[in-house]
Amino acid sequence: MFASIQSHRASRHLIAMLTACLFVLGALPLAAQQADPVAEWASLAGIQYRVDPNIIYKVANGYEAKLDVYYPRNAAGPRPTVVYIHGGGWTGGTKESSIFNLLPYLEMGFNAVNVEYRLARNSLAPAAVEDCRCALRWVIRNAERYQIDTSKLVVTGHSAGGHLSLMTGILDPAAGLDNECPGNEELKVAAVVNFYGITDVADLLQGPHMQRYAVTWLGGMTDRQAIAKRASPLTYVRQGLPPILTVHGDADTTVPYVHAVRLHQALDGAGVTNELLTIPGAGHGGFNAEQTVKVQRTIAAFLKKHDLVPSR
């Protein structure tokens, strides 16, 4: 639906749609007005948000990787911030198509950063991982401008976005996947909320769990098994990682539920604080109303438990 949205005008229109959606949902009173060619305002939960869309955070292989930033107009100080990464099997999807996934966080008072990255048609694995790590570095470097509390960064995403949120949050710098955007900043997050993300890329390249999107992302690389391991969250499980919440349906055939189970077990073995919320009978997303409410309540409780919910 939103795949063709590219221009600032279209981005502004989409932001207006988001504001209208918030009003329809009736969460809290809203207001919106045009601010300048690259921004809109929306009031939610008593916070007036500014939206800066399509900021170029990286250029690679002729591709301009962009992100959108939602931040308070008159914040009293730095605020917790969610970094959202869209899904699509590393082969499709846009940040615009996932914009409504920001709603629960904006309602809680978070800043939000909505990230896009190189898809397989632009660059094969592990380019998407490199881009998302660069986006995190951009967020940290621009924290003062956007009133971002770098000690309270939450990274999240669905499906391939779940995989990328895990990689963004737990990657070992020694893996060498930060070389495209070097810097002295510590690329650290406070928590990861993983929606049915891939945790073992190699598992999807062949055998009973083979998925076309994974094969496409790795292409015809002769060393694709090594690259798959390098791009898999399970490779980087170790002590000292941030708390991780995983949400996964046990009937998922696009990203097998066993990926969530294996991650949960590995994190437990390493002594990492984590939770696995299993949605019985659910497939690859598409949760019903009751399941969605349970998921959102679990996320809110998880964030509150780790002191990541913004104070009013």
C-alpha atoms as a PDB file:
ATOM      1  CA  MET A   1       0.000   0.000   0.000  1.00  0.00           C
ATOM      2  CA  PHE A   2       2.749   2.419   0.940  1.00  0.00           C
ATOM      3  CA  ALA A   3       5.555   0.964  -1.179  1.00  0.00           C
ATOM      4  CA  SER A   4       5.559   3.807  -3.683  1.00  0.00           C
ATOM      5  CA  ILE A   5       5.754   6.599  -1.112  1.00  0.00           C
ATOM      6  CA  GLN A   6       9.081   8.347  -1.644  1.00  0.00           C
ATOM      7  CA  SER A   7       8.797  12.125  -1.632  1.00  0.00           C
ATOM      8  CA  HIS A   8       8.616  14.568   1.251  1.00  0.00           C
ATOM      9  CA  ARG A   9       5.069  15.404   0.183  1.00  0.00           C
ATOM     10  CA  ALA A  10       4.041  11.759   0.364  1.00  0.00           C
ATOM     11  CA  SER A  11       5.785  11.362   3.711  1.00  0.00           C
ATOM     12  CA  ARG A  12       3.901  14.366   5.067  1.00  0.00           C
ATOM     13  CA  HIS A  13       0.645  12.875   3.780  1.00  0.00           C
ATOM     14  CA  LEU A  14       1.430   9.579   5.501  1.00  0.00           C
ATOM     15  CA  ILE A  15       2.182  11.364   8.760  1.00  0.00           C
ATOM     16  CA  ALA A  16      -1.167  13.122   8.477  1.00  0.00           C
ATOM     17  CA  MET A  17      -2.767   9.698   8.014  1.00  0.00           C
ATOM     18  CA  LEU A  18      -1.036   8.488  11.175  1.00  0.00           C
ATOM     19  CA  THR A  19      -2.387  11.467  13.083  1.00  0.00           C
ATOM     20  CA  ALA A  20      -5.874  10.818  11.737  1.00  0.00           C
ATOM     21  CA  CYS A  21      -5.598   7.159  12.721  1.00  0.00           C
ATOM     22  CA  LEU A  22      -4.644   8.127  16.255  1.00  0.00           C
ATOM     23  CA  PHE A  23      -7.709  10.339  16.430  1.00  0.00           C
ATOM     24  CA  VAL A  24      -9.973   7.564  15.165  1.00  0.00           C
ATOM     25  CA  LEU A  25      -8.547   5.133  17.684  1.00  0.00           C
ATOM     26  CA  GLY A  26      -9.555   7.615  20.340  1.00  0.00           C
ATOM     27  CA  ALA A  27      -6.546   7.003  22.516  1.00  0.00           C
ATOM     28  CA  LEU A  28      -6.243  10.671  23.439  1.00  0.00           C
ATOM     29  CA  PRO A  29      -7.100  14.040  21.845  1.00  0.00           C
ATOM     30  CA  LEU A  30      -4.956  14.861  18.836  1.00  0.00           C
ATOM     31  CA  ALA A  31      -4.038  17.899  16.795  1.00  0.00           C
ATOM     32  CA  ALA A  32      -1.920  18.290  13.717  1.00  0.00           C
ATOM     33  CA  GLN A  33      -0.666  21.186  11.669  1.00  0.00           C
ATOM     34  CA  GLN A  34       1.836  21.742   8.906  1.00  0.00           C
ATOM     35  CA  ALA A  35       5.160  22.981  10.256  1.00  0.00           C
ATOM     36  CA  ASP A  36       7.656  23.092   7.377  1.00  0.00           C
ATOM     37  CA  PRO A  37       8.449  21.111   4.216  1.00  0.00           C
ATOM     38  CA  VAL A  38       9.863  18.167   6.142  1.00  0.00           C
ATOM     39  CA  ALA A  39       7.890  18.098   9.362  1.00  0.00           C
ATOM     40  CA  GLU A  40       4.422  17.764  10.876  1.00  0.00           C
ATOM     41  CA  TRP A  41       3.151  18.124  14.402  1.00  0.00           C
ATOM     42  CA  ALA A  42       0.878  15.758  16.290  1.00  0.00           C
ATOM     43  CA  SER A  43      -0.210  15.901  19.907  1.00  0.00           C
ATOM     44  CA  LEU A  44      -0.517  12.538  21.617  1.00  0.00           C
ATOM     45  CA  ALA A  45      -0.747  11.706  25.301  1.00  0.00           C
ATOM     46  CA  GLY A  46      -0.127  15.356  26.091  1.00  0.00           C
ATOM     47  CA  ILE A  47       3.088  15.423  24.056  1.00  0.00           C
ATOM     48  CA  GLN A  48       3.412  17.477  20.893  1.00  0.00           C
ATOM     49  CA  TYR A  49       5.514  15.468  18.469  1.00  0.00           C
ATOM     50  CA  ARG A  50       7.585  16.782  15.618  1.00  0.00           C
ATOM     51  CA  VAL A  51       8.260  14.406  12.723  1.00  0.00           C
ATOM     52  CA  ASP A  52      11.397  14.729  10.597  1.00  0.00           C
ATOM     53  CA  PRO A  53      11.033  12.241   7.709  1.00  0.00           C
ATOM     54  CA  ASN A  54      13.469  10.753   5.216  1.00  0.00           C
ATOM     55  CA  ILE A  55      16.717  11.726   6.888  1.00  0.00           C
ATOM     56  CA  ILE A  56      19.625  10.112   5.029  1.00  0.00           C
ATOM     57  CA  TYR A  57      21.759   8.322   7.599  1.00  0.00           C
ATOM     58  CA  LYS A  58      23.976   6.396   5.187  1.00  0.00           C
ATOM     59  CA  VAL A  59      24.825   6.038   1.510  1.00  0.00           C
ATOM     60  CA  ALA A  60      26.127   2.694   0.240  1.00  0.00           C
ATOM     61  CA  ASN A  61      26.256   1.131  -3.222  1.00  0.00           C
ATOM     62  CA  GLY A  62      24.399   4.152  -4.570  1.00  0.00           C
ATOM     63  CA  TYR A  63      21.528   3.602  -2.101  1.00  0.00           C
ATOM     64  CA  GLU A  64      20.419   6.340   0.296  1.00  0.00           C
ATOM     65  CA  ALA A  65      19.298   4.694   3.537  1.00  0.00           C
ATOM     66  CA  LYS A  66      16.753   6.872   5.336  1.00  0.00           C
ATOM     67  CA  LEU A  67      14.978   7.094   8.650  1.00  0.00           C
ATOM     68  CA  ASP A  68      12.170   9.130  10.230  1.00  0.00           C
ATOM     69  CA  VAL A  69      12.401  10.669  13.703  1.00  0.00           C
ATOM     70  CA  TYR A  70       9.436  11.406  15.988  1.00  0.00           C
ATOM     71  CA  TYR A  71      10.382  13.561  18.968  1.00  0.00           C
ATOM     72  CA  PRO A  72       8.728  15.986  21.404  1.00  0.00           C
ATOM     73  CA  ARG A  73       8.623  19.664  20.550  1.00  0.00           C
ATOM     74  CA  ASN A  74       9.282  20.914  24.072  1.00  0.00           C
ATOM     75  CA  ALA A  75      10.766  17.978  25.952  1.00  0.00           C
ATOM     76  CA  ALA A  76      12.011  18.686  29.455  1.00  0.00           C
ATOM     77  CA  GLY A  77      14.978  16.432  28.823  1.00  0.00           C
ATOM     78  CA  PRO A  78      16.146  13.303  27.014  1.00  0.00           C
ATOM     79  CA  ARG A  79      13.483  10.629  26.625  1.00  0.00           C
ATOM     80  CA  PRO A  80      13.421   6.857  26.080  1.00  0.00           C
ATOM     81  CA  THR A  81      13.428   6.107  22.361  1.00  0.00           C
ATOM     82  CA  VAL A  82      12.275   3.146  20.295  1.00  0.00           C
ATOM     83  CA  VAL A  83      14.118   2.257  17.097  1.00  0.00           C
ATOM     84  CA  TYR A  84      11.782   0.342  14.775  1.00  0.00           C
ATOM     85  CA  ILE A  85      13.045  -1.845  11.886  1.00  0.00           C
ATOM     86  CA  HIS A  86      10.546  -3.105   9.310  1.00  0.00           C
ATOM     87  CA  GLY A  87      10.196  -6.676   8.102  1.00  0.00           C
ATOM     88  CA  GLY A  88       9.815  -8.215   4.664  1.00  0.00           C
ATOM     89  CA  GLY A  89      12.299 -11.087   4.533  1.00  0.00           C
ATOM     90  CA  TRP A  90      15.201  -8.732   3.733  1.00  0.00           C
ATOM     91  CA  THR A  91      13.699  -8.590   0.225  1.00  0.00           C
ATOM     92  CA  GLY A  92      10.729  -6.228   0.616  1.00  0.00           C
ATOM     93  CA  GLY A  93       8.898  -3.878   2.938  1.00  0.00           C
ATOM     94  CA  THR A  94       9.278  -0.181   3.670  1.00  0.00           C
ATOM     95  CA  LYS A  95       9.453   1.936   6.769  1.00  0.00           C
ATOM     96  CA  GLU A  96       6.209   3.615   5.648  1.00  0.00           C
ATOM     97  CA  SER A  97       4.339   0.308   5.550  1.00  0.00           C
ATOM     98  CA  SER A  98       5.137  -0.242   9.239  1.00  0.00           C
ATOM     99  CA  ILE A  99       4.396   3.224  10.538  1.00  0.00           C
ATOM    100  CA  PHE A 100       1.419   2.171  12.663  1.00  0.00           C
ATOM    101  CA  ASN A 101       3.626  -0.138  14.712  1.00  0.00           C
ATOM    102  CA  LEU A 102       4.968   3.032  16.310  1.00  0.00           C
ATOM    103  CA  LEU A 103       1.582   3.877  17.854  1.00  0.00           C
ATOM    104  CA  PRO A 104       1.903   1.984  21.161  1.00  0.00           C
ATOM    105  CA  TYR A 105       5.295   3.560  21.825  1.00  0.00           C
ATOM    106  CA  LEU A 106       4.202   7.090  20.930  1.00  0.00           C
ATOM    107  CA  GLU A 107       1.200   6.685  23.194  1.00  0.00           C
ATOM    108  CA  MET A 108       3.557   5.722  26.035  1.00  0.00           C
ATOM    109  CA  GLY A 109       5.595   8.863  25.372  1.00  0.00           C
ATOM    110  CA  PHE A 110       8.614   7.399  23.600  1.00  0.00           C
ATOM    111  CA  ASN A 111      10.554   9.143  20.893  1.00  0.00           C
ATOM    112  CA  ALA A 112      10.593   6.926  17.801  1.00  0.00           C
ATOM    113  CA  VAL A 113      12.993   6.288  14.940  1.00  0.00           C
ATOM    114  CA  ASN A 114      11.644   4.372  11.934  1.00  0.00           C
ATOM    115  CA  VAL A 115      14.471   2.798   9.922  1.00  0.00           C
ATOM    116  CA  GLU A 116      14.848   1.516   6.363  1.00  0.00           C
ATOM    117  CA  TYR A 117      17.850  -0.380   5.011  1.00  0.00           C
ATOM    118  CA  ARG A 118      19.245  -2.023   1.893  1.00  0.00           C
ATOM    119  CA  LEU A 119      17.133  -4.909   0.631  1.00  0.00           C
ATOM    120  CA  ALA A 120      18.502  -7.904  -1.266  1.00  0.00           C
ATOM    121  CA  ARG A 121      17.919  -6.223  -4.636  1.00  0.00           C
ATOM    122  CA  ASN A 122      20.340  -3.486  -3.557  1.00  0.00           C
ATOM    123  CA  SER A 123      22.889  -5.502  -1.593  1.00  0.00           C
ATOM    124  CA  LEU A 124      23.020  -9.073  -0.344  1.00  0.00           C
ATOM    125  CA  ALA A 125      23.685 -10.191   3.219  1.00  0.00           C
ATOM    126  CA  PRO A 126      24.912  -8.906   5.571  1.00  0.00           C
ATOM    127  CA  ALA A 127      24.285  -5.364   4.219  1.00  0.00           C
ATOM    128  CA  ALA A 128      20.963  -4.954   6.057  1.00  0.00           C
ATOM    129  CA  VAL A 129      22.698  -5.697   9.359  1.00  0.00           C
ATOM    130  CA  GLU A 130      25.435  -3.178   8.602  1.00  0.00           C
ATOM    131  CA  ASP A 131      22.849  -0.521   7.775  1.00  0.00           C
ATOM    132  CA  CYS A 132      20.859  -1.017  10.965  1.00  0.00           C
ATOM    133  CA  ARG A 133      23.994  -0.803  13.065  1.00  0.00           C
ATOM    134  CA  CYS A 134      24.827   2.434  11.249  1.00  0.00           C
ATOM    135  CA  ALA A 135      21.324   3.700  12.003  1.00  0.00           C
ATOM    136  CA  LEU A 136      21.911   2.997  15.697  1.00  0.00           C
ATOM    137  CA  ARG A 137      25.174   4.938  15.569  1.00  0.00           C
ATOM    138  CA  TRP A 138      23.337   7.820  13.878  1.00  0.00           C
ATOM    139  CA  VAL A 139      20.735   7.819  16.661  1.00  0.00           C
ATOM    140  CA  ILE A 140      23.419   7.961  19.335  1.00  0.00           C
ATOM    141  CA  ARG A 141      25.331  10.709  17.536  1.00  0.00           C
ATOM    142  CA  ASN A 142      22.190  12.816  17.140  1.00  0.00           C
ATOM    143  CA  ALA A 143      20.810  12.174  20.614  1.00  0.00           C
ATOM    144  CA  GLU A 144      21.165  15.743  21.827  1.00  0.00           C
ATOM    145  CA  ARG A 145      19.371  17.243  18.837  1.00  0.00           C
ATOM    146  CA  TYR A 146      16.397  14.897  19.174  1.00  0.00           C
ATOM    147  CA  GLN A 147      16.222  14.693  22.990  1.00  0.00           C
ATOM    148  CA  ILE A 148      17.130  10.987  23.019  1.00  0.00           C
ATOM    149  CA  ASP A 149      18.162   9.236  26.217  1.00  0.00           C
ATOM    150  CA  THR A 150      20.877   6.897  24.931  1.00  0.00           C
ATOM    151  CA  SER A 151      20.698   4.851  28.133  1.00  0.00           C
ATOM    152  CA  LYS A 152      17.083   3.966  27.305  1.00  0.00           C
ATOM    153  CA  LEU A 153      17.115   2.825  23.687  1.00  0.00           C
ATOM    154  CA  VAL A 154      14.711   0.032  22.744  1.00  0.00           C
ATOM    155  CA  VAL A 155      15.107  -1.649  19.352  1.00  0.00           C
ATOM    156  CA  THR A 156      12.246  -3.654  17.860  1.00  0.00           C
ATOM    157  CA  GLY A 157      10.902  -5.091  14.632  1.00  0.00           C
ATOM    158  CA  HIS A 158       8.803  -7.817  13.045  1.00  0.00           C
ATOM    159  CA  SER A 159      10.063 -10.900  11.177  1.00  0.00           C
ATOM    160  CA  ALA A 160      13.243  -9.877   9.314  1.00  0.00           C
ATOM    161  CA  GLY A 161      12.915  -6.688  11.352  1.00  0.00           C
ATOM    162  CA  GLY A 162      12.941  -8.844  14.480  1.00  0.00           C
ATOM    163  CA  HIS A 163      16.137 -10.478  13.251  1.00  0.00           C
ATOM    164  CA  LEU A 164      17.663  -7.072  12.515  1.00  0.00           C
ATOM    165  CA  SER A 165      16.573  -5.690  15.883  1.00  0.00           C
ATOM    166  CA  LEU A 166      18.348  -8.589  17.576  1.00  0.00           C
ATOM    167  CA  MET A 167      21.462  -8.106  15.459  1.00  0.00           C
ATOM    168  CA  THR A 168      21.409  -4.368  16.131  1.00  0.00           C
ATOM    169  CA  GLY A 169      21.080  -4.897  19.855  1.00  0.00           C
ATOM    170  CA  ILE A 170      23.410  -7.823  20.517  1.00  0.00           C
ATOM    171  CA  LEU A 171      26.042  -7.910  17.762  1.00  0.00           C
ATOM    172  CA  ASP A 172      29.613  -8.307  18.977  1.00  0.00           C
ATOM    173  CA  PRO A 173      31.651  -5.357  17.609  1.00  0.00           C
ATOM    174  CA  ALA A 174      34.441  -7.825  16.908  1.00  0.00           C
ATOM    175  CA  ALA A 175      32.300  -9.300  14.108  1.00  0.00           C
ATOM    176  CA  GLY A 176      33.422  -6.448  11.862  1.00  0.00           C
ATOM    177  CA  LEU A 177      29.921  -5.480  10.734  1.00  0.00           C
ATOM    178  CA  ASP A 178      30.312  -1.904  11.985  1.00  0.00           C
ATOM    179  CA  ASN A 179      33.125  -1.042   9.590  1.00  0.00           C
ATOM    180  CA  GLU A 180      30.943   0.913   7.165  1.00  0.00           C
ATOM    181  CA  CYS A 181      30.231   3.532   9.827  1.00  0.00           C
ATOM    182  CA  PRO A 182      33.182   3.540  12.218  1.00  0.00           C
ATOM    183  CA  GLY A 183      33.151   5.569  15.383  1.00  0.00           C
ATOM    184  CA  ASN A 184      33.976   5.637  19.065  1.00  0.00           C
ATOM    185  CA  GLU A 185      30.398   5.428  20.297  1.00  0.00           C
ATOM    186  CA  GLU A 186      29.375   2.281  22.153  1.00  0.00           C
ATOM    187  CA  LEU A 187      26.530   0.756  20.132  1.00  0.00           C
ATOM    188  CA  LYS A 188      24.450  -0.316  23.091  1.00  0.00           C
ATOM    189  CA  VAL A 189      20.705  -0.615  23.628  1.00  0.00           C
ATOM    190  CA  ALA A 190      18.680  -1.059  26.806  1.00  0.00           C
ATOM    191  CA  ALA A 191      16.281  -3.723  25.508  1.00  0.00           C
ATOM    192  CA  VAL A 192      15.160  -5.647  22.425  1.00  0.00           C
ATOM    193  CA  VAL A 193      11.548  -6.513  21.570  1.00  0.00           C
ATOM    194  CA  ASN A 194      11.722  -9.234  18.933  1.00  0.00           C
ATOM    195  CA  PHE A 195       8.591 -10.158  17.000  1.00  0.00           C
ATOM    196  CA  TYR A 196       9.102 -13.619  15.449  1.00  0.00           C
ATOM    197  CA  GLY A 197      12.562 -12.808  14.155  1.00  0.00           C
ATOM    198  CA  ILE A 198      14.934 -15.222  12.433  1.00  0.00           C
ATOM    199  CA  THR A 199      17.641 -16.360  14.848  1.00  0.00           C
ATOM    200  CA  ASP A 200      19.491 -18.921  12.690  1.00  0.00           C
ATOM    201  CA  VAL A 201      19.793 -17.776   9.074  1.00  0.00           C
ATOM    202  CA  ALA A 202      21.503 -20.968   7.900  1.00  0.00           C
ATOM    203  CA  ASP A 203      18.498 -23.019   9.023  1.00  0.00           C
ATOM    204  CA  LEU A 204      16.431 -21.285   6.324  1.00  0.00           C
ATOM    205  CA  LEU A 205      18.825 -21.908   3.432  1.00  0.00           C
ATOM    206  CA  GLN A 206      18.131 -25.611   2.971  1.00  0.00           C
ATOM    207  CA  GLY A 207      16.304 -28.539   4.519  1.00  0.00           C
ATOM    208  CA  PRO A 208      12.763 -28.630   5.956  1.00  0.00           C
ATOM    209  CA  HIS A 209      12.784 -24.958   6.994  1.00  0.00           C
ATOM    210  CA  MET A 210      14.105 -23.538   3.709  1.00  0.00           C
ATOM    211  CA  GLN A 211      12.626 -20.149   2.819  1.00  0.00           C
ATOM    212  CA  ARG A 212      12.940 -18.425  -0.557  1.00  0.00           C
ATOM    213  CA  TYR A 213      13.499 -15.013   1.049  1.00  0.00           C
ATOM    214  CA  ALA A 214      16.558 -16.296   2.936  1.00  0.00           C
ATOM    215  CA  VAL A 215      17.999 -17.927  -0.175  1.00  0.00           C
ATOM    216  CA  THR A 216      17.498 -14.644  -2.045  1.00  0.00           C
ATOM    217  CA  TRP A 217      19.216 -12.628   0.697  1.00  0.00           C
ATOM    218  CA  LEU A 218      22.317 -14.825   0.581  1.00  0.00           C
ATOM    219  CA  GLY A 219      22.245 -15.197  -3.209  1.00  0.00           C
ATOM    220  CA  GLY A 220      24.848 -17.400  -4.880  1.00  0.00           C
ATOM    221  CA  MET A 221      27.657 -16.685  -2.438  1.00  0.00           C
ATOM    222  CA  THR A 222      30.104 -19.570  -2.224  1.00  0.00           C
ATOM    223  CA  ASP A 223      30.645 -18.830   1.459  1.00  0.00           C
ATOM    224  CA  ARG A 224      26.975 -18.347   2.269  1.00  0.00           C
ATOM    225  CA  GLN A 225      27.053 -20.709   5.268  1.00  0.00           C
ATOM    226  CA  ALA A 226      29.768 -18.630   6.904  1.00  0.00           C
ATOM    227  CA  ILE A 227      27.919 -15.408   6.126  1.00  0.00           C
ATOM    228  CA  ALA A 228      24.667 -16.885   7.446  1.00  0.00           C
ATOM    229  CA  LYS A 229      26.366 -17.711  10.735  1.00  0.00           C
ATOM    230  CA  ARG A 230      27.889 -14.237  10.876  1.00  0.00           C
ATOM    231  CA  ALA A 231      24.415 -12.742  10.369  1.00  0.00           C
ATOM    232  CA  SER A 232      22.612 -14.922  12.933  1.00  0.00           C
ATOM    233  CA  PRO A 233      21.644 -13.682  16.417  1.00  0.00           C
ATOM    234  CA  LEU A 234      22.358 -17.102  17.953  1.00  0.00           C
ATOM    235  CA  THR A 235      26.022 -16.594  17.082  1.00  0.00           C
ATOM    236  CA  TYR A 236      26.279 -13.654  19.470  1.00  0.00           C
ATOM    237  CA  VAL A 237      24.504 -14.933  22.570  1.00  0.00           C
ATOM    238  CA  ARG A 238      26.740 -14.245  25.553  1.00  0.00           C
ATOM    239  CA  GLN A 239      26.674 -12.765  29.039  1.00  0.00           C
ATOM    240  CA  GLY A 240      25.939  -9.079  29.448  1.00  0.00           C
ATOM    241  CA  LEU A 241      23.336  -8.660  26.716  1.00  0.00           C
ATOM    242  CA  PRO A 242      20.338  -6.344  27.208  1.00  0.00           C
ATOM    243  CA  PRO A 243      16.969  -7.812  28.247  1.00  0.00           C
ATOM    244  CA  ILE A 244      15.164  -9.437  25.313  1.00  0.00           C
ATOM    245  CA  LEU A 245      11.451 -10.083  24.857  1.00  0.00           C
ATOM    246  CA  THR A 246      10.447 -12.432  22.034  1.00  0.00           C
ATOM    247  CA  VAL A 247       6.880 -12.763  20.726  1.00  0.00           C
ATOM    248  CA  HIS A 248       6.198 -15.718  18.427  1.00  0.00           C
ATOM    249  CA  GLY A 249       3.239 -17.813  17.281  1.00  0.00           C
ATOM    250  CA  ASP A 250       3.778 -21.549  17.669  1.00  0.00           C
ATOM    251  CA  ALA A 251       2.148 -22.258  14.281  1.00  0.00           C
ATOM    252  CA  ASP A 252       4.442 -19.939  12.327  1.00  0.00           C
ATOM    253  CA  THR A 253       5.705 -21.553   9.117  1.00  0.00           C
ATOM    254  CA  THR A 254       7.449 -18.460   7.699  1.00  0.00           C
ATOM    255  CA  VAL A 255       9.868 -18.157  10.608  1.00  0.00           C
ATOM    256  CA  PRO A 256       9.690 -21.476  12.493  1.00  0.00           C
ATOM    257  CA  TYR A 257       8.718 -21.176  16.151  1.00  0.00           C
ATOM    258  CA  VAL A 258      11.790 -23.239  17.026  1.00  0.00           C
ATOM    259  CA  HIS A 259      13.875 -20.138  16.278  1.00  0.00           C
ATOM    260  CA  ALA A 260      12.286 -18.398  19.263  1.00  0.00           C
ATOM    261  CA  VAL A 261      12.674 -21.466  21.471  1.00  0.00           C
ATOM    262  CA  ARG A 262      16.354 -21.905  20.619  1.00  0.00           C
ATOM    263  CA  LEU A 263      17.054 -18.237  21.296  1.00  0.00           C
ATOM    264  CA  HIS A 264      15.214 -18.385  24.617  1.00  0.00           C
ATOM    265  CA  GLN A 265      17.164 -21.461  25.682  1.00  0.00           C
ATOM    266  CA  ALA A 266      20.498 -19.995  24.616  1.00  0.00           C
ATOM    267  CA  LEU A 267      19.821 -16.734  26.450  1.00  0.00           C
ATOM    268  CA  ASP A 268      18.810 -18.628  29.584  1.00  0.00           C
ATOM    269  CA  GLY A 269      22.021 -20.631  29.335  1.00  0.00           C
ATOM    270  CA  ALA A 270      24.072 -17.446  29.138  1.00  0.00           C
ATOM    271  CA  GLY A 271      22.256 -15.881  32.082  1.00  0.00           C
ATOM    272  CA  VAL A 272      20.643 -13.148  29.957  1.00  0.00           C
ATOM    273  CA  THR A 273      17.342 -11.719  31.178  1.00  0.00           C
ATOM    274  CA  ASN A 274      14.720 -12.661  28.596  1.00  0.00           C
ATOM    275  CA  GLU A 275      11.100 -13.595  28.099  1.00  0.00           C
ATOM    276  CA  LEU A 276       9.349 -15.675  25.447  1.00  0.00           C
ATOM    277  CA  LEU A 277       5.687 -14.910  24.877  1.00  0.00           C
ATOM    278  CA  THR A 278       4.200 -17.789  22.882  1.00  0.00           C
ATOM    279  CA  ILE A 279       0.959 -17.113  21.008  1.00  0.00           C
ATOM    280  CA  PRO A 280      -0.790 -20.530  20.800  1.00  0.00           C
ATOM    281  CA  GLY A 281      -2.078 -21.415  17.342  1.00  0.00           C
ATOM    282  CA  ALA A 282      -0.844 -18.170  15.788  1.00  0.00           C
ATOM    283  CA  GLY A 283       1.094 -18.017  12.561  1.00  0.00           C
ATOM    284  CA  HIS A 284       3.395 -15.340  11.230  1.00  0.00           C
ATOM    285  CA  GLY A 285       1.750 -12.346  12.895  1.00  0.00           C
ATOM    286  CA  GLY A 286      -1.886 -11.665  12.140  1.00  0.00           C
ATOM    287  CA  PHE A 287      -2.768 -11.935  15.819  1.00  0.00           C
ATOM    288  CA  ASN A 288      -6.417 -11.503  16.737  1.00  0.00           C
ATOM    289  CA  ALA A 289      -7.685  -8.718  18.990  1.00  0.00           C
ATOM    290  CA  GLU A 290      -7.345 -10.702  22.213  1.00  0.00           C
ATOM    291  CA  GLN A 291      -3.828 -11.832  21.321  1.00  0.00           C
ATOM    292  CA  THR A 292      -2.818  -8.311  20.333  1.00  0.00           C
ATOM    293  CA  VAL A 293      -3.983  -6.906  23.657  1.00  0.00           C
ATOM    294  CA  LYS A 294      -1.989  -9.594  25.477  1.00  0.00           C
ATOM    295  CA  VAL A 295       1.106  -8.776  23.427  1.00  0.00           C
ATOM    296  CA  GLN A 296       0.859  -5.040  24.092  1.00  0.00           C
ATOM    297  CA  ARG A 297       0.306  -5.551  27.808  1.00  0.00           C
ATOM    298  CA  THR A 298       3.296  -7.882  27.956  1.00  0.00           C
ATOM    299  CA  ILE A 299       5.498  -5.340  26.166  1.00  0.00           C
ATOM    300  CA  ALA A 300       4.366  -2.527  28.460  1.00  0.00           C
ATOM    301  CA  ALA A 301       5.069  -4.649  31.546  1.00  0.00           C
ATOM    302  CA  PHE A 302       8.456  -5.691  30.162  1.00  0.00           C
ATOM    303  CA  LEU A 303       9.468  -2.085  29.513  1.00  0.00           C
ATOM    304  CA  LYS A 304       8.194  -0.942  32.912  1.00  0.00           C
ATOM    305  CA  LYS A 305      10.063  -3.760  34.640  1.00  0.00           C
ATOM    306  CA  HIS A 306      13.312  -2.487  33.122  1.00  0.00           C
ATOM    307  CA  ASP A 307      12.562   1.175  33.861  1.00  0.00           C
ATOM    308  CA  LEU A 308      12.167   2.122  30.213  1.00  0.00           C
ATOM    309  CA  VAL A 309       8.689   3.665  30.206  1.00  0.00           C
ATOM    310  CA  PRO A 310       8.888   7.468  29.854  1.00  0.00           C
ATOM    311  CA  SER A 311       7.804   9.538  32.830  1.00  0.00           C
ATOM    312  CA  ARG A 312       5.090  12.086  32.150  1.00  0.00           C
END
